[in-house]
N, C-alpha and C. Protein backbone atom coordinates (compact mmCIF):
# COMPACT_ATOMS: atom_id res chain seq x y z
N MET A 1 18.24 -18.13 3.76
CA MET A 1 19.16 -18.20 2.64
C MET A 1 19.44 -16.78 2.14
N LYS A 2 20.70 -16.41 2.16
CA LYS A 2 21.09 -15.08 1.74
C LYS A 2 21.50 -15.12 0.27
N THR A 3 20.91 -14.23 -0.54
CA THR A 3 21.25 -14.19 -1.96
C THR A 3 22.20 -13.03 -2.23
N ARG A 4 22.99 -13.21 -3.24
CA ARG A 4 23.94 -12.18 -3.65
C ARG A 4 23.18 -11.11 -4.45
N PRO A 5 23.44 -9.83 -4.17
CA PRO A 5 22.73 -8.78 -4.92
C PRO A 5 23.15 -8.78 -6.39
N PHE A 6 22.27 -8.21 -7.20
CA PHE A 6 22.51 -8.09 -8.64
C PHE A 6 23.87 -7.48 -8.90
N LEU A 7 24.13 -6.32 -8.31
CA LEU A 7 25.43 -5.68 -8.32
C LEU A 7 25.68 -5.18 -6.90
N SER A 8 26.89 -5.30 -6.44
CA SER A 8 27.19 -4.87 -5.07
C SER A 8 27.08 -3.35 -4.95
N THR A 9 26.96 -2.89 -3.73
CA THR A 9 26.88 -1.45 -3.48
C THR A 9 28.14 -0.76 -3.98
N ARG A 10 29.28 -1.37 -3.73
CA ARG A 10 30.55 -0.81 -4.19
C ARG A 10 30.56 -0.67 -5.70
N THR A 11 30.10 -1.71 -6.39
CA THR A 11 30.06 -1.68 -7.85
C THR A 11 29.12 -0.58 -8.34
N LEU A 12 27.96 -0.48 -7.72
CA LEU A 12 27.00 0.55 -8.11
C LEU A 12 27.55 1.96 -7.87
N LEU A 13 28.29 2.13 -6.77
CA LEU A 13 28.87 3.45 -6.50
C LEU A 13 29.95 3.81 -7.52
N VAL A 14 30.76 2.84 -7.92
CA VAL A 14 31.76 3.10 -8.95
C VAL A 14 31.07 3.41 -10.27
N CYS A 15 30.04 2.64 -10.61
CA CYS A 15 29.27 2.91 -11.84
C CYS A 15 28.68 4.32 -11.80
N ALA A 16 28.16 4.70 -10.64
CA ALA A 16 27.57 6.04 -10.50
C ALA A 16 28.62 7.13 -10.69
N ALA A 17 29.78 6.97 -10.09
CA ALA A 17 30.84 7.98 -10.23
C ALA A 17 31.28 8.11 -11.68
N ILE A 18 31.48 6.98 -12.34
CA ILE A 18 31.87 7.01 -13.75
C ILE A 18 30.74 7.58 -14.59
N GLY A 19 29.51 7.19 -14.27
CA GLY A 19 28.35 7.68 -15.02
C GLY A 19 28.18 9.19 -14.91
N VAL A 20 28.39 9.73 -13.72
CA VAL A 20 28.27 11.18 -13.55
C VAL A 20 29.35 11.90 -14.35
N ALA A 21 30.58 11.46 -14.23
CA ALA A 21 31.68 12.12 -14.94
C ALA A 21 31.49 12.05 -16.45
N THR A 22 31.16 10.88 -16.95
CA THR A 22 31.00 10.74 -18.40
C THR A 22 29.67 11.33 -18.86
N GLY A 23 28.69 11.40 -17.98
CA GLY A 23 27.43 12.04 -18.32
C GLY A 23 27.60 13.54 -18.53
N ILE A 24 28.46 14.15 -17.74
CA ILE A 24 28.76 15.57 -17.94
C ILE A 24 29.40 15.76 -19.31
N LEU A 25 30.36 14.90 -19.66
CA LEU A 25 30.98 14.98 -20.98
C LEU A 25 29.93 14.74 -22.08
N GLY A 26 29.04 13.78 -21.86
CA GLY A 26 27.98 13.51 -22.83
C GLY A 26 27.04 14.69 -22.99
N GLY A 27 26.75 15.37 -21.89
CA GLY A 27 25.91 16.57 -21.95
C GLY A 27 26.57 17.67 -22.76
N ILE A 28 27.86 17.83 -22.55
CA ILE A 28 28.61 18.84 -23.33
C ILE A 28 28.61 18.45 -24.80
N ALA A 29 28.82 17.17 -25.09
CA ALA A 29 28.77 16.70 -26.48
C ALA A 29 27.40 16.97 -27.09
N GLY A 30 26.35 16.78 -26.29
CA GLY A 30 25.00 17.06 -26.77
C GLY A 30 24.80 18.54 -27.07
N LEU A 31 25.39 19.39 -26.26
CA LEU A 31 25.29 20.84 -26.51
C LEU A 31 26.05 21.23 -27.78
N LEU A 32 27.15 20.54 -28.07
CA LEU A 32 27.95 20.84 -29.26
C LEU A 32 27.33 20.28 -30.55
N THR A 33 26.47 19.28 -30.41
CA THR A 33 25.93 18.58 -31.58
C THR A 33 25.28 19.50 -32.61
N PRO A 34 24.38 20.40 -32.24
CA PRO A 34 23.76 21.24 -33.27
C PRO A 34 24.79 22.05 -34.07
N ALA A 35 25.79 22.60 -33.39
CA ALA A 35 26.82 23.38 -34.09
C ALA A 35 27.62 22.49 -35.03
N VAL A 36 27.95 21.29 -34.58
CA VAL A 36 28.72 20.37 -35.43
C VAL A 36 27.89 19.98 -36.65
N LEU A 37 26.61 19.70 -36.45
CA LEU A 37 25.75 19.30 -37.57
C LEU A 37 25.58 20.41 -38.59
N VAL A 38 25.63 21.67 -38.14
CA VAL A 38 25.49 22.79 -39.06
C VAL A 38 26.83 23.12 -39.73
N LEU A 39 27.90 23.16 -38.94
CA LEU A 39 29.19 23.62 -39.45
C LEU A 39 30.03 22.52 -40.09
N ALA A 40 29.99 21.32 -39.54
CA ALA A 40 30.83 20.23 -40.04
C ALA A 40 30.13 18.89 -39.80
N PRO A 41 29.03 18.62 -40.50
CA PRO A 41 28.27 17.40 -40.23
C PRO A 41 29.07 16.11 -40.41
N TYR A 42 30.11 16.17 -41.23
CA TYR A 42 30.95 15.00 -41.45
C TYR A 42 31.73 14.62 -40.19
N ALA A 43 31.86 15.52 -39.23
CA ALA A 43 32.61 15.26 -37.99
C ALA A 43 31.71 14.78 -36.85
N TYR A 44 30.44 14.57 -37.11
CA TYR A 44 29.50 14.20 -36.06
C TYR A 44 29.90 12.89 -35.37
N GLY A 45 30.48 11.96 -36.08
CA GLY A 45 30.90 10.68 -35.50
C GLY A 45 31.91 10.85 -34.38
N LEU A 46 32.74 11.89 -34.47
CA LEU A 46 33.71 12.15 -33.39
C LEU A 46 32.99 12.59 -32.13
N VAL A 47 31.95 13.40 -32.29
CA VAL A 47 31.19 13.88 -31.13
C VAL A 47 30.37 12.73 -30.55
N LEU A 48 29.64 12.04 -31.38
CA LEU A 48 28.78 10.94 -30.92
C LEU A 48 29.61 9.80 -30.34
N GLY A 49 30.81 9.62 -30.84
CA GLY A 49 31.69 8.56 -30.35
C GLY A 49 32.04 8.69 -28.88
N SER A 50 31.97 9.93 -28.35
CA SER A 50 32.29 10.13 -26.94
C SER A 50 31.33 9.38 -26.01
N HIS A 51 30.17 9.03 -26.52
CA HIS A 51 29.18 8.33 -25.70
C HIS A 51 29.55 6.87 -25.43
N VAL A 52 30.66 6.37 -25.96
CA VAL A 52 31.10 5.01 -25.62
C VAL A 52 31.82 4.98 -24.27
N LEU A 53 32.25 6.14 -23.78
CA LEU A 53 33.09 6.19 -22.59
C LEU A 53 32.50 5.54 -21.34
N PRO A 54 31.23 5.75 -21.00
CA PRO A 54 30.75 5.18 -19.73
C PRO A 54 30.98 3.66 -19.64
N GLY A 55 30.59 2.94 -20.67
CA GLY A 55 30.72 1.48 -20.64
C GLY A 55 32.16 1.01 -20.71
N ILE A 56 32.96 1.69 -21.52
CA ILE A 56 34.37 1.29 -21.66
C ILE A 56 35.09 1.45 -20.33
N ILE A 57 34.94 2.61 -19.71
CA ILE A 57 35.63 2.86 -18.44
C ILE A 57 35.13 1.89 -17.37
N ALA A 58 33.80 1.72 -17.28
CA ALA A 58 33.24 0.84 -16.25
C ALA A 58 33.71 -0.60 -16.43
N GLN A 59 33.70 -1.09 -17.67
CA GLN A 59 34.14 -2.47 -17.89
C GLN A 59 35.64 -2.63 -17.65
N GLU A 60 36.40 -1.65 -18.03
CA GLU A 60 37.85 -1.74 -17.81
C GLU A 60 38.18 -1.71 -16.32
N VAL A 61 37.47 -0.89 -15.56
CA VAL A 61 37.74 -0.78 -14.13
C VAL A 61 37.21 -1.99 -13.37
N LEU A 62 35.94 -2.34 -13.60
CA LEU A 62 35.27 -3.33 -12.76
C LEU A 62 35.31 -4.75 -13.30
N ARG A 63 35.34 -4.89 -14.61
CA ARG A 63 35.38 -6.21 -15.25
C ARG A 63 34.30 -7.14 -14.72
N GLU A 64 33.07 -6.63 -14.74
CA GLU A 64 31.91 -7.39 -14.29
C GLU A 64 30.80 -7.25 -15.33
N ARG A 65 29.85 -8.18 -15.27
CA ARG A 65 28.70 -8.09 -16.17
C ARG A 65 27.78 -6.96 -15.75
N TYR A 66 27.10 -6.41 -16.72
CA TYR A 66 26.07 -5.37 -16.57
C TYR A 66 26.59 -3.98 -16.22
N VAL A 67 27.88 -3.82 -15.93
CA VAL A 67 28.35 -2.50 -15.51
C VAL A 67 28.32 -1.49 -16.66
N ALA A 68 28.50 -1.94 -17.88
CA ALA A 68 28.44 -1.01 -19.01
C ALA A 68 27.03 -0.45 -19.14
N LEU A 69 26.05 -1.31 -19.09
CA LEU A 69 24.66 -0.87 -19.25
C LEU A 69 24.23 0.06 -18.11
N VAL A 70 24.54 -0.31 -16.88
CA VAL A 70 24.16 0.52 -15.73
C VAL A 70 24.84 1.88 -15.81
N THR A 71 26.12 1.90 -16.12
CA THR A 71 26.87 3.15 -16.18
C THR A 71 26.38 4.03 -17.33
N HIS A 72 26.07 3.41 -18.46
CA HIS A 72 25.52 4.18 -19.59
C HIS A 72 24.20 4.85 -19.21
N LEU A 73 23.34 4.13 -18.51
CA LEU A 73 22.05 4.70 -18.13
C LEU A 73 22.21 5.86 -17.16
N ILE A 74 23.12 5.73 -16.21
CA ILE A 74 23.39 6.84 -15.28
C ILE A 74 23.93 8.04 -16.05
N ALA A 75 24.87 7.79 -16.97
CA ALA A 75 25.44 8.87 -17.77
C ALA A 75 24.35 9.55 -18.62
N ALA A 76 23.42 8.77 -19.16
CA ALA A 76 22.34 9.34 -19.97
C ALA A 76 21.45 10.25 -19.13
N LEU A 77 21.18 9.86 -17.91
CA LEU A 77 20.36 10.70 -17.03
C LEU A 77 21.07 12.02 -16.71
N ILE A 78 22.36 11.95 -16.48
CA ILE A 78 23.14 13.17 -16.21
C ILE A 78 23.19 14.04 -17.45
N ALA A 79 23.45 13.45 -18.61
CA ALA A 79 23.51 14.22 -19.86
C ALA A 79 22.17 14.88 -20.15
N SER A 80 21.09 14.22 -19.77
CA SER A 80 19.75 14.77 -20.01
C SER A 80 19.52 16.08 -19.26
N ALA A 81 20.23 16.30 -18.18
CA ALA A 81 20.10 17.55 -17.44
C ALA A 81 20.61 18.73 -18.27
N PHE A 82 21.53 18.48 -19.18
CA PHE A 82 22.06 19.53 -20.04
C PHE A 82 21.07 19.91 -21.14
N ASN A 83 20.31 18.92 -21.61
CA ASN A 83 19.35 19.15 -22.69
C ASN A 83 18.18 18.19 -22.50
N PRO A 84 17.22 18.55 -21.64
CA PRO A 84 16.11 17.64 -21.35
C PRO A 84 15.32 17.21 -22.59
N ALA A 85 15.29 18.05 -23.61
CA ALA A 85 14.55 17.69 -24.83
C ALA A 85 15.17 16.47 -25.51
N TRP A 86 16.43 16.21 -25.25
CA TRP A 86 17.11 15.07 -25.87
C TRP A 86 17.21 13.87 -24.94
N ALA A 87 16.46 13.87 -23.85
CA ALA A 87 16.57 12.79 -22.87
C ALA A 87 16.37 11.41 -23.51
N LEU A 88 15.36 11.28 -24.36
CA LEU A 88 15.13 9.97 -24.99
C LEU A 88 16.27 9.59 -25.94
N ARG A 89 16.88 10.56 -26.58
CA ARG A 89 18.04 10.27 -27.45
C ARG A 89 19.21 9.78 -26.61
N PHE A 90 19.46 10.47 -25.49
CA PHE A 90 20.55 10.05 -24.61
C PHE A 90 20.29 8.64 -24.07
N ILE A 91 19.07 8.37 -23.65
CA ILE A 91 18.74 7.04 -23.10
C ILE A 91 18.81 5.98 -24.19
N GLY A 92 18.30 6.29 -25.38
CA GLY A 92 18.38 5.33 -26.49
C GLY A 92 19.82 5.01 -26.87
N THR A 93 20.65 6.05 -26.92
CA THR A 93 22.07 5.84 -27.22
C THR A 93 22.72 5.00 -26.12
N ALA A 94 22.38 5.29 -24.88
CA ALA A 94 22.93 4.53 -23.75
C ALA A 94 22.56 3.06 -23.85
N LEU A 95 21.30 2.80 -24.15
CA LEU A 95 20.85 1.40 -24.26
C LEU A 95 21.54 0.70 -25.42
N LEU A 96 21.65 1.38 -26.57
CA LEU A 96 22.30 0.77 -27.74
C LEU A 96 23.77 0.50 -27.47
N PHE A 97 24.50 1.53 -27.04
CA PHE A 97 25.94 1.39 -26.83
C PHE A 97 26.22 0.40 -25.70
N GLY A 98 25.46 0.50 -24.60
CA GLY A 98 25.64 -0.42 -23.49
C GLY A 98 25.35 -1.86 -23.88
N ALA A 99 24.30 -2.06 -24.68
CA ALA A 99 23.95 -3.41 -25.12
C ALA A 99 25.03 -4.01 -26.02
N VAL A 100 25.59 -3.20 -26.90
CA VAL A 100 26.67 -3.70 -27.77
C VAL A 100 27.88 -4.07 -26.92
N GLN A 101 28.26 -3.19 -25.98
CA GLN A 101 29.43 -3.47 -25.14
C GLN A 101 29.20 -4.69 -24.25
N GLU A 102 28.01 -4.81 -23.68
CA GLU A 102 27.69 -6.00 -22.87
C GLU A 102 27.63 -7.25 -23.75
N GLY A 103 27.09 -7.11 -24.95
CA GLY A 103 26.99 -8.26 -25.85
C GLY A 103 28.34 -8.82 -26.23
N VAL A 104 29.28 -7.94 -26.55
CA VAL A 104 30.63 -8.40 -26.89
C VAL A 104 31.28 -9.06 -25.68
N ALA A 105 31.10 -8.46 -24.51
CA ALA A 105 31.66 -9.06 -23.28
C ALA A 105 31.01 -10.41 -23.00
N ALA A 106 29.70 -10.52 -23.23
CA ALA A 106 28.99 -11.78 -22.98
C ALA A 106 29.47 -12.88 -23.93
N LEU A 107 29.84 -12.51 -25.16
CA LEU A 107 30.35 -13.51 -26.10
C LEU A 107 31.62 -14.17 -25.59
N THR A 108 32.37 -13.45 -24.78
CA THR A 108 33.58 -14.02 -24.17
C THR A 108 33.30 -14.50 -22.75
N ARG A 109 32.01 -14.57 -22.40
CA ARG A 109 31.56 -15.00 -21.07
C ARG A 109 32.16 -14.16 -19.95
N TYR A 110 32.39 -12.92 -20.25
CA TYR A 110 32.94 -11.96 -19.29
C TYR A 110 34.28 -12.44 -18.71
N ARG A 111 35.05 -13.12 -19.55
CA ARG A 111 36.35 -13.64 -19.09
C ARG A 111 37.53 -12.98 -19.79
N SER A 112 37.29 -12.39 -20.94
CA SER A 112 38.38 -11.78 -21.71
C SER A 112 38.24 -10.27 -21.66
N TRP A 113 39.25 -9.61 -21.14
CA TRP A 113 39.19 -8.16 -20.99
C TRP A 113 40.32 -7.48 -21.74
N GLY A 114 40.85 -8.13 -22.75
CA GLY A 114 41.91 -7.52 -23.55
C GLY A 114 41.39 -6.34 -24.36
N PRO A 115 42.26 -5.43 -24.72
CA PRO A 115 41.84 -4.24 -25.48
C PRO A 115 41.12 -4.59 -26.79
N TRP A 116 41.50 -5.69 -27.43
CA TRP A 116 40.87 -6.07 -28.70
C TRP A 116 39.36 -6.17 -28.56
N ARG A 117 38.89 -6.66 -27.40
CA ARG A 117 37.47 -6.85 -27.19
C ARG A 117 36.74 -5.50 -27.16
N PHE A 118 37.36 -4.52 -26.54
CA PHE A 118 36.77 -3.19 -26.46
C PHE A 118 36.72 -2.54 -27.85
N PHE A 119 37.77 -2.77 -28.63
CA PHE A 119 37.81 -2.17 -29.96
C PHE A 119 36.82 -2.84 -30.92
N ILE A 120 36.53 -4.11 -30.72
CA ILE A 120 35.49 -4.77 -31.52
C ILE A 120 34.15 -4.08 -31.27
N SER A 121 33.82 -3.84 -30.01
CA SER A 121 32.55 -3.16 -29.71
C SER A 121 32.56 -1.74 -30.28
N ALA A 122 33.70 -1.07 -30.27
CA ALA A 122 33.79 0.29 -30.82
C ALA A 122 33.53 0.30 -32.32
N VAL A 123 34.08 -0.66 -33.04
CA VAL A 123 33.87 -0.73 -34.49
C VAL A 123 32.41 -1.06 -34.80
N ILE A 124 31.81 -1.95 -34.03
CA ILE A 124 30.39 -2.29 -34.23
C ILE A 124 29.53 -1.05 -33.99
N ILE A 125 29.78 -0.35 -32.90
CA ILE A 125 29.03 0.87 -32.61
C ILE A 125 29.24 1.91 -33.71
N GLY A 126 30.48 2.08 -34.14
CA GLY A 126 30.77 3.04 -35.21
C GLY A 126 30.06 2.71 -36.50
N ALA A 127 30.00 1.43 -36.84
CA ALA A 127 29.31 1.02 -38.07
C ALA A 127 27.81 1.28 -37.96
N ILE A 128 27.23 0.96 -36.82
CA ILE A 128 25.80 1.22 -36.62
C ILE A 128 25.52 2.72 -36.73
N VAL A 129 26.31 3.52 -36.03
CA VAL A 129 26.13 4.97 -36.05
C VAL A 129 26.28 5.50 -37.48
N ALA A 130 27.30 5.04 -38.18
CA ALA A 130 27.57 5.53 -39.54
C ALA A 130 26.37 5.31 -40.44
N VAL A 131 25.81 4.13 -40.41
CA VAL A 131 24.69 3.81 -41.30
C VAL A 131 23.42 4.55 -40.88
N VAL A 132 23.09 4.48 -39.60
CA VAL A 132 21.83 5.08 -39.14
C VAL A 132 21.83 6.59 -39.35
N VAL A 133 22.87 7.27 -38.88
CA VAL A 133 22.90 8.73 -38.98
C VAL A 133 23.00 9.16 -40.44
N PHE A 134 23.69 8.41 -41.27
CA PHE A 134 23.82 8.75 -42.69
C PHE A 134 22.44 8.92 -43.32
N PHE A 135 21.55 7.98 -43.03
CA PHE A 135 20.21 8.04 -43.63
C PHE A 135 19.28 8.99 -42.89
N VAL A 136 19.33 8.98 -41.57
CA VAL A 136 18.42 9.83 -40.79
C VAL A 136 18.72 11.31 -41.02
N ALA A 137 19.99 11.67 -41.09
CA ALA A 137 20.37 13.07 -41.25
C ALA A 137 20.52 13.47 -42.71
N HIS A 138 20.17 12.59 -43.62
CA HIS A 138 20.23 12.89 -45.06
C HIS A 138 21.61 13.38 -45.49
N LEU A 139 22.63 12.69 -45.01
CA LEU A 139 23.99 13.09 -45.34
C LEU A 139 24.34 12.80 -46.79
N SER A 140 23.46 12.11 -47.49
CA SER A 140 23.69 11.84 -48.92
C SER A 140 23.66 13.14 -49.71
N THR A 141 23.16 14.22 -49.12
CA THR A 141 23.14 15.52 -49.81
C THR A 141 24.49 16.23 -49.75
N LEU A 142 25.41 15.69 -48.94
CA LEU A 142 26.75 16.29 -48.84
C LEU A 142 27.59 15.91 -50.05
N PRO A 143 28.65 16.68 -50.33
CA PRO A 143 29.57 16.29 -51.40
C PRO A 143 30.22 14.93 -51.09
N PRO A 144 30.66 14.21 -52.11
CA PRO A 144 31.24 12.88 -51.88
C PRO A 144 32.38 12.87 -50.86
N TRP A 145 33.26 13.87 -50.88
CA TRP A 145 34.38 13.89 -49.92
C TRP A 145 33.85 13.95 -48.49
N ALA A 146 32.77 14.71 -48.27
CA ALA A 146 32.21 14.84 -46.93
C ALA A 146 31.51 13.55 -46.50
N GLN A 147 30.89 12.86 -47.44
CA GLN A 147 30.25 11.58 -47.13
C GLN A 147 31.30 10.55 -46.70
N ILE A 148 32.41 10.51 -47.42
CA ILE A 148 33.50 9.58 -47.09
C ILE A 148 34.10 9.95 -45.73
N ALA A 149 34.34 11.25 -45.53
CA ALA A 149 34.89 11.71 -44.25
C ALA A 149 33.94 11.34 -43.11
N TYR A 150 32.64 11.54 -43.34
CA TYR A 150 31.65 11.19 -42.32
C TYR A 150 31.72 9.71 -41.97
N LEU A 151 31.72 8.85 -42.98
CA LEU A 151 31.75 7.40 -42.73
C LEU A 151 33.01 7.00 -41.97
N LEU A 152 34.15 7.54 -42.38
CA LEU A 152 35.41 7.22 -41.70
C LEU A 152 35.41 7.72 -40.25
N LEU A 153 34.99 8.97 -40.04
CA LEU A 153 35.01 9.53 -38.69
C LEU A 153 33.96 8.90 -37.79
N SER A 154 32.88 8.41 -38.38
CA SER A 154 31.85 7.74 -37.56
C SER A 154 32.35 6.43 -37.00
N VAL A 155 33.20 5.74 -37.75
CA VAL A 155 33.78 4.49 -37.25
C VAL A 155 34.99 4.80 -36.37
N LEU A 156 35.80 5.77 -36.76
CA LEU A 156 37.00 6.09 -35.98
C LEU A 156 36.67 6.81 -34.67
N GLY A 157 35.58 7.57 -34.62
CA GLY A 157 35.21 8.29 -33.40
C GLY A 157 35.10 7.37 -32.20
N PRO A 158 34.25 6.33 -32.26
CA PRO A 158 34.16 5.42 -31.12
C PRO A 158 35.48 4.70 -30.83
N VAL A 159 36.27 4.43 -31.86
CA VAL A 159 37.56 3.75 -31.66
C VAL A 159 38.51 4.67 -30.88
N ILE A 160 38.57 5.94 -31.28
CA ILE A 160 39.44 6.90 -30.59
C ILE A 160 38.98 7.08 -29.14
N TRP A 161 37.67 7.25 -28.92
CA TRP A 161 37.15 7.43 -27.57
C TRP A 161 37.33 6.16 -26.74
N THR A 162 37.31 5.00 -27.38
CA THR A 162 37.56 3.75 -26.66
C THR A 162 39.00 3.72 -26.15
N ALA A 163 39.94 4.13 -26.99
CA ALA A 163 41.34 4.18 -26.55
C ALA A 163 41.51 5.12 -25.36
N ILE A 164 40.83 6.27 -25.41
CA ILE A 164 40.88 7.22 -24.29
C ILE A 164 40.26 6.58 -23.05
N GLY A 165 39.11 5.93 -23.22
CA GLY A 165 38.43 5.28 -22.10
C GLY A 165 39.26 4.17 -21.47
N LEU A 166 39.95 3.39 -22.30
CA LEU A 166 40.82 2.33 -21.77
C LEU A 166 41.97 2.94 -20.96
N GLY A 167 42.50 4.06 -21.42
CA GLY A 167 43.56 4.74 -20.67
C GLY A 167 43.06 5.22 -19.31
N ILE A 168 41.87 5.81 -19.30
CA ILE A 168 41.29 6.29 -18.04
C ILE A 168 40.98 5.10 -17.12
N GLY A 169 40.37 4.07 -17.69
CA GLY A 169 40.03 2.88 -16.90
C GLY A 169 41.25 2.21 -16.31
N SER A 170 42.31 2.10 -17.10
CA SER A 170 43.56 1.49 -16.60
C SER A 170 44.15 2.32 -15.46
N ALA A 171 44.11 3.63 -15.61
CA ALA A 171 44.63 4.50 -14.55
C ALA A 171 43.81 4.34 -13.27
N LEU A 172 42.49 4.23 -13.41
CA LEU A 172 41.64 4.04 -12.23
C LEU A 172 41.91 2.69 -11.57
N ARG A 173 42.14 1.66 -12.36
CA ARG A 173 42.48 0.33 -11.80
C ARG A 173 43.80 0.40 -11.04
N ARG A 174 44.79 1.06 -11.64
CA ARG A 174 46.09 1.20 -10.97
C ARG A 174 45.97 2.01 -9.67
N ALA A 175 45.02 2.95 -9.65
CA ALA A 175 44.80 3.78 -8.46
C ALA A 175 44.06 3.01 -7.37
N GLY A 176 43.58 1.81 -7.68
CA GLY A 176 42.94 0.99 -6.67
C GLY A 176 41.43 1.05 -6.64
N VAL A 177 40.80 1.68 -7.64
CA VAL A 177 39.35 1.79 -7.65
C VAL A 177 38.69 0.41 -7.70
N ALA A 178 39.31 -0.54 -8.36
CA ALA A 178 38.70 -1.86 -8.54
C ALA A 178 39.00 -2.83 -7.41
N GLN A 179 39.82 -2.44 -6.46
CA GLN A 179 40.16 -3.36 -5.39
C GLN A 179 38.96 -3.64 -4.51
N ARG A 180 38.83 -4.88 -4.09
CA ARG A 180 37.70 -5.28 -3.24
C ARG A 180 38.09 -5.19 -1.80
């Protein structure tokens, strides 16, 4: 009796390619993070929001279960090469973002791939990031305008990066990456 693999080799290779490309971007975002936190901490959500790309692109291209989580983990490993001290942060972010994206897809039983579904996961991720980072980074010490800007940009960051990811994913689908 022959069983179907968890994910096909083709699917894993596409996840790996997307993971490497977005992992490089995630590594660069990680390198920029200290400067952003010092110079403009209210804009951190825009930088952190870039970490939604692996799952968004993978789900848009492949439209299969588990591809967001697998691609996020590959991207986290690549990003860790840029800053090994942050490896656990990259992996934790990958697990959180990938789990949210997979969870939203699972709620639709992996049958609905409309843009609205991707934006729901982006808003959920943005809200989680906004609350967690606000308290962990003690952003309450910022002036009120900066706190408001931080909260808005933390939610808008993942939404903006999701729109970019959907554009990239759609272009890859049109180029035939998803063809079997």
